[in-house]
N, C-alpha and C. Protein backbone atom coordinates (compact mmCIF):
# COMPACT_ATOMS: atom_id res chain seq x y z
N UNK A 1 -0.98 27.18 14.62
CA UNK A 1 -2.01 27.83 13.83
C UNK A 1 -2.69 26.81 12.91
N UNK A 2 -1.88 25.91 12.37
CA UNK A 2 -2.43 24.93 11.45
C UNK A 2 -3.46 24.03 12.16
N UNK A 3 -3.15 23.56 13.38
CA UNK A 3 -4.07 22.70 14.12
C UNK A 3 -5.32 23.47 14.53
N UNK A 4 -5.17 24.71 14.85
CA UNK A 4 -6.31 25.53 15.22
C UNK A 4 -7.24 25.70 14.02
N UNK A 5 -6.66 25.90 12.86
CA UNK A 5 -7.47 26.07 11.65
C UNK A 5 -8.22 24.79 11.29
N UNK A 6 -7.56 23.66 11.42
CA UNK A 6 -8.21 22.38 11.11
C UNK A 6 -9.32 22.11 12.13
N UNK A 7 -9.07 22.38 13.40
CA UNK A 7 -10.08 22.18 14.43
C UNK A 7 -11.28 23.09 14.21
N UNK A 8 -11.03 24.33 13.83
CA UNK A 8 -12.11 25.27 13.56
C UNK A 8 -12.90 24.83 12.33
N UNK A 9 -12.21 24.35 11.29
CA UNK A 9 -12.89 23.88 10.09
C UNK A 9 -13.78 22.67 10.40
N UNK A 10 -13.27 21.73 11.19
CA UNK A 10 -14.08 20.56 11.58
C UNK A 10 -15.29 20.97 12.41
N UNK A 11 -15.11 21.92 13.30
CA UNK A 11 -16.22 22.39 14.12
C UNK A 11 -17.29 23.06 13.26
N UNK A 12 -16.86 23.83 12.27
CA UNK A 12 -17.82 24.50 11.38
C UNK A 12 -18.56 23.48 10.52
N UNK A 13 -17.86 22.46 10.02
CA UNK A 13 -18.50 21.45 9.18
C UNK A 13 -19.38 20.50 9.99
N UNK A 14 -19.02 20.25 11.24
CA UNK A 14 -19.79 19.33 12.07
C UNK A 14 -21.08 19.97 12.56
N UNK A 15 -21.11 21.28 12.70
CA UNK A 15 -22.30 21.96 13.23
C UNK A 15 -23.54 21.72 12.36
N UNK A 16 -23.50 21.91 11.04
CA UNK A 16 -24.71 21.67 10.25
C UNK A 16 -24.90 20.20 9.88
N UNK A 17 -23.95 19.33 10.19
CA UNK A 17 -24.11 17.92 9.90
C UNK A 17 -23.34 17.46 8.68
N UNK A 18 -22.44 18.26 8.18
CA UNK A 18 -21.66 17.86 7.00
C UNK A 18 -20.67 16.76 7.33
N UNK A 19 -20.14 16.77 8.54
CA UNK A 19 -19.19 15.75 8.97
C UNK A 19 -19.81 15.06 10.17
N UNK A 20 -19.88 13.74 10.13
CA UNK A 20 -20.46 13.02 11.25
C UNK A 20 -19.38 12.59 12.23
N UNK A 21 -19.75 12.57 13.48
CA UNK A 21 -18.85 12.15 14.54
C UNK A 21 -19.24 10.72 14.90
N UNK A 22 -18.28 9.79 14.97
CA UNK A 22 -18.64 8.40 15.29
C UNK A 22 -19.27 8.31 16.67
N UNK A 23 -20.29 7.47 16.77
CA UNK A 23 -21.02 7.28 18.02
C UNK A 23 -20.57 5.97 18.65
N UNK A 24 -20.26 6.04 19.92
CA UNK A 24 -19.85 4.85 20.66
C UNK A 24 -21.10 4.21 21.26
N UNK A 25 -21.34 2.91 21.03
CA UNK A 25 -22.55 2.28 21.59
C UNK A 25 -22.48 2.22 23.11
N UNK A 26 -23.66 2.25 23.74
CA UNK A 26 -23.72 2.22 25.20
C UNK A 26 -23.29 0.87 25.76
N UNK A 27 -23.67 -0.22 25.06
CA UNK A 27 -23.36 -1.56 25.54
C UNK A 27 -22.59 -2.30 24.46
N UNK A 28 -21.67 -3.16 24.87
CA UNK A 28 -20.97 -3.99 23.89
C UNK A 28 -21.93 -4.95 23.20
N UNK A 29 -21.54 -5.44 22.05
CA UNK A 29 -22.40 -6.34 21.28
C UNK A 29 -22.65 -7.65 22.00
N UNK A 30 -21.77 -8.08 22.87
CA UNK A 30 -21.94 -9.33 23.60
C UNK A 30 -23.14 -9.29 24.55
N UNK A 31 -23.47 -8.11 25.08
CA UNK A 31 -24.60 -8.01 25.99
C UNK A 31 -25.92 -8.24 25.27
N UNK A 32 -25.99 -7.89 24.00
CA UNK A 32 -27.22 -8.11 23.24
C UNK A 32 -27.49 -9.60 23.10
N UNK A 33 -26.45 -10.38 22.88
CA UNK A 33 -26.62 -11.83 22.76
C UNK A 33 -27.07 -12.41 24.09
N UNK A 34 -26.56 -11.91 25.19
CA UNK A 34 -26.97 -12.40 26.50
C UNK A 34 -28.43 -12.08 26.79
N UNK A 35 -28.91 -10.93 26.31
CA UNK A 35 -30.31 -10.59 26.51
C UNK A 35 -31.20 -11.57 25.76
N UNK A 36 -30.79 -11.99 24.58
CA UNK A 36 -31.58 -12.94 23.82
C UNK A 36 -31.66 -14.28 24.53
N UNK A 37 -30.57 -14.69 25.14
CA UNK A 37 -30.57 -15.95 25.87
C UNK A 37 -31.45 -15.84 27.11
N UNK A 38 -31.37 -14.70 27.78
CA UNK A 38 -32.17 -14.53 28.99
C UNK A 38 -33.64 -14.38 28.66
N UNK A 39 -33.97 -13.90 27.48
CA UNK A 39 -35.35 -13.69 27.10
C UNK A 39 -36.03 -14.99 26.67
N UNK A 40 -35.29 -16.05 26.51
CA UNK A 40 -35.89 -17.31 26.09
C UNK A 40 -36.83 -17.80 27.18
N UNK A 41 -38.06 -18.15 26.82
CA UNK A 41 -39.01 -18.59 27.84
C UNK A 41 -38.65 -19.96 28.40
N UNK A 42 -39.05 -20.17 29.63
CA UNK A 42 -38.79 -21.45 30.27
C UNK A 42 -39.68 -22.52 29.63
N UNK A 43 -39.10 -23.64 29.24
CA UNK A 43 -39.93 -24.70 28.66
C UNK A 43 -40.87 -25.27 29.71
N UNK A 44 -41.98 -25.80 29.25
CA UNK A 44 -42.94 -26.39 30.17
C UNK A 44 -42.34 -27.61 30.85
N UNK A 45 -42.58 -27.76 32.14
CA UNK A 45 -42.00 -28.91 32.84
C UNK A 45 -42.66 -30.22 32.41
N UNK A 46 -41.88 -31.27 32.45
CA UNK A 46 -42.38 -32.60 32.12
C UNK A 46 -42.95 -33.22 33.39
N UNK A 47 -44.19 -33.70 33.29
CA UNK A 47 -44.84 -34.32 34.44
C UNK A 47 -44.96 -35.82 34.18
N UNK A 48 -44.92 -36.58 35.24
CA UNK A 48 -44.96 -38.04 35.13
C UNK A 48 -46.25 -38.51 34.48
N UNK A 49 -47.35 -37.85 34.78
CA UNK A 49 -48.64 -38.27 34.24
C UNK A 49 -48.73 -38.11 32.73
N UNK A 50 -47.90 -37.21 32.16
CA UNK A 50 -47.96 -36.94 30.72
C UNK A 50 -47.17 -37.93 29.88
N UNK A 51 -46.27 -38.67 30.49
CA UNK A 51 -45.38 -39.56 29.74
C UNK A 51 -46.08 -40.89 29.48
N UNK A 52 -46.12 -41.25 28.20
CA UNK A 52 -46.65 -42.56 27.80
C UNK A 52 -45.64 -43.20 26.87
N UNK A 53 -45.89 -44.43 26.51
CA UNK A 53 -44.98 -45.09 25.57
C UNK A 53 -45.00 -44.41 24.20
N UNK A 54 -46.13 -43.87 23.83
CA UNK A 54 -46.26 -43.24 22.51
C UNK A 54 -45.47 -41.93 22.41
N UNK A 55 -45.39 -41.17 23.50
CA UNK A 55 -44.71 -39.88 23.44
C UNK A 55 -43.43 -39.84 24.28
N UNK A 56 -42.85 -40.96 24.57
CA UNK A 56 -41.66 -41.00 25.43
C UNK A 56 -40.48 -40.24 24.83
N UNK A 57 -40.27 -40.37 23.52
CA UNK A 57 -39.15 -39.66 22.88
C UNK A 57 -39.37 -38.15 22.92
N UNK A 58 -40.59 -37.74 22.66
CA UNK A 58 -40.91 -36.32 22.69
C UNK A 58 -40.72 -35.75 24.10
N UNK A 59 -41.16 -36.46 25.10
CA UNK A 59 -41.01 -36.01 26.48
C UNK A 59 -39.53 -36.01 26.90
N UNK A 60 -38.76 -36.94 26.39
CA UNK A 60 -37.32 -36.93 26.69
C UNK A 60 -36.66 -35.69 26.09
N UNK A 61 -37.06 -35.32 24.87
CA UNK A 61 -36.52 -34.10 24.26
C UNK A 61 -36.95 -32.87 25.05
N UNK A 62 -38.20 -32.86 25.50
CA UNK A 62 -38.69 -31.73 26.30
C UNK A 62 -37.94 -31.63 27.62
N UNK A 63 -37.69 -32.77 28.25
CA UNK A 63 -36.93 -32.78 29.50
C UNK A 63 -35.50 -32.30 29.27
N UNK A 64 -34.90 -32.70 28.16
CA UNK A 64 -33.54 -32.25 27.83
C UNK A 64 -33.52 -30.73 27.64
N UNK A 65 -34.52 -30.18 26.96
CA UNK A 65 -34.60 -28.73 26.75
C UNK A 65 -34.78 -28.01 28.08
N UNK A 66 -35.55 -28.59 28.98
CA UNK A 66 -35.75 -27.99 30.29
C UNK A 66 -34.44 -27.97 31.08
N UNK A 67 -33.69 -29.06 31.02
CA UNK A 67 -32.41 -29.12 31.74
C UNK A 67 -31.39 -28.16 31.15
N UNK A 68 -31.34 -28.05 29.83
CA UNK A 68 -30.41 -27.11 29.19
C UNK A 68 -30.78 -25.68 29.56
N UNK A 69 -32.07 -25.37 29.60
CA UNK A 69 -32.50 -24.02 29.99
C UNK A 69 -32.07 -23.74 31.42
N UNK A 70 -32.23 -24.73 32.31
CA UNK A 70 -31.86 -24.54 33.71
C UNK A 70 -30.36 -24.31 33.85
N UNK A 71 -29.56 -24.98 33.03
CA UNK A 71 -28.11 -24.76 33.09
C UNK A 71 -27.74 -23.36 32.63
N UNK A 72 -28.45 -22.84 31.64
CA UNK A 72 -28.17 -21.47 31.17
C UNK A 72 -28.58 -20.44 32.20
N UNK A 73 -29.60 -20.73 32.99
CA UNK A 73 -30.13 -19.77 33.95
C UNK A 73 -29.47 -19.84 35.31
N UNK A 74 -28.48 -20.72 35.49
CA UNK A 74 -27.82 -20.81 36.79
C UNK A 74 -26.98 -19.58 37.02
N UNK A 75 -26.95 -19.10 38.26
CA UNK A 75 -26.13 -17.93 38.55
C UNK A 75 -24.65 -18.26 38.44
N UNK A 76 -23.87 -17.28 38.04
CA UNK A 76 -22.43 -17.50 37.88
C UNK A 76 -21.63 -16.77 38.95
N UNK A 77 -22.29 -16.37 40.05
CA UNK A 77 -21.57 -15.64 41.08
C UNK A 77 -20.86 -16.53 42.07
N UNK A 78 -20.90 -17.84 41.88
CA UNK A 78 -20.18 -18.77 42.74
C UNK A 78 -20.98 -19.29 43.91
N UNK A 79 -22.19 -18.78 44.11
CA UNK A 79 -23.01 -19.25 45.21
C UNK A 79 -23.64 -20.59 44.82
N UNK A 80 -23.76 -21.51 45.76
CA UNK A 80 -24.38 -22.80 45.44
C UNK A 80 -25.87 -22.62 45.18
N UNK A 81 -26.41 -23.47 44.35
CA UNK A 81 -27.84 -23.43 44.04
C UNK A 81 -28.63 -24.08 45.16
N UNK A 82 -29.82 -23.55 45.40
CA UNK A 82 -30.72 -24.14 46.38
C UNK A 82 -31.59 -25.15 45.67
N UNK A 83 -31.54 -26.39 46.12
CA UNK A 83 -32.30 -27.46 45.50
C UNK A 83 -33.39 -27.89 46.45
N UNK A 84 -34.60 -27.95 45.93
CA UNK A 84 -35.72 -28.41 46.75
C UNK A 84 -35.71 -29.92 46.85
N UNK A 85 -36.03 -30.47 48.02
CA UNK A 85 -36.05 -31.93 48.15
C UNK A 85 -37.24 -32.55 47.44
C-alpha cells in the first residue's frame, strides 16, 4: 500500500509539472564532438605554382593542415584507402 501511495503521489505531481522526470539524451556527448570534427571544412590544397620563397613557410603550414585534415577524414572500417597515382 505504501508503494502504491507513493507512486500515485508522484504521478499526480508529475502530471501538472510539479516534479520533473529526468530526460535521457538521444546521443552521447562524444558524438557531438565528432560532428564538430567532421564539420571542419577541407583546407585549400597547396599547388606548386603558388609556392615561392617568400611564402614557403605559410605554404608548409597549409600543407600540414591539409595532411592533418586528411588523417582525420580517413575511414576507420579497416578498408585500405584508394590512392590516385
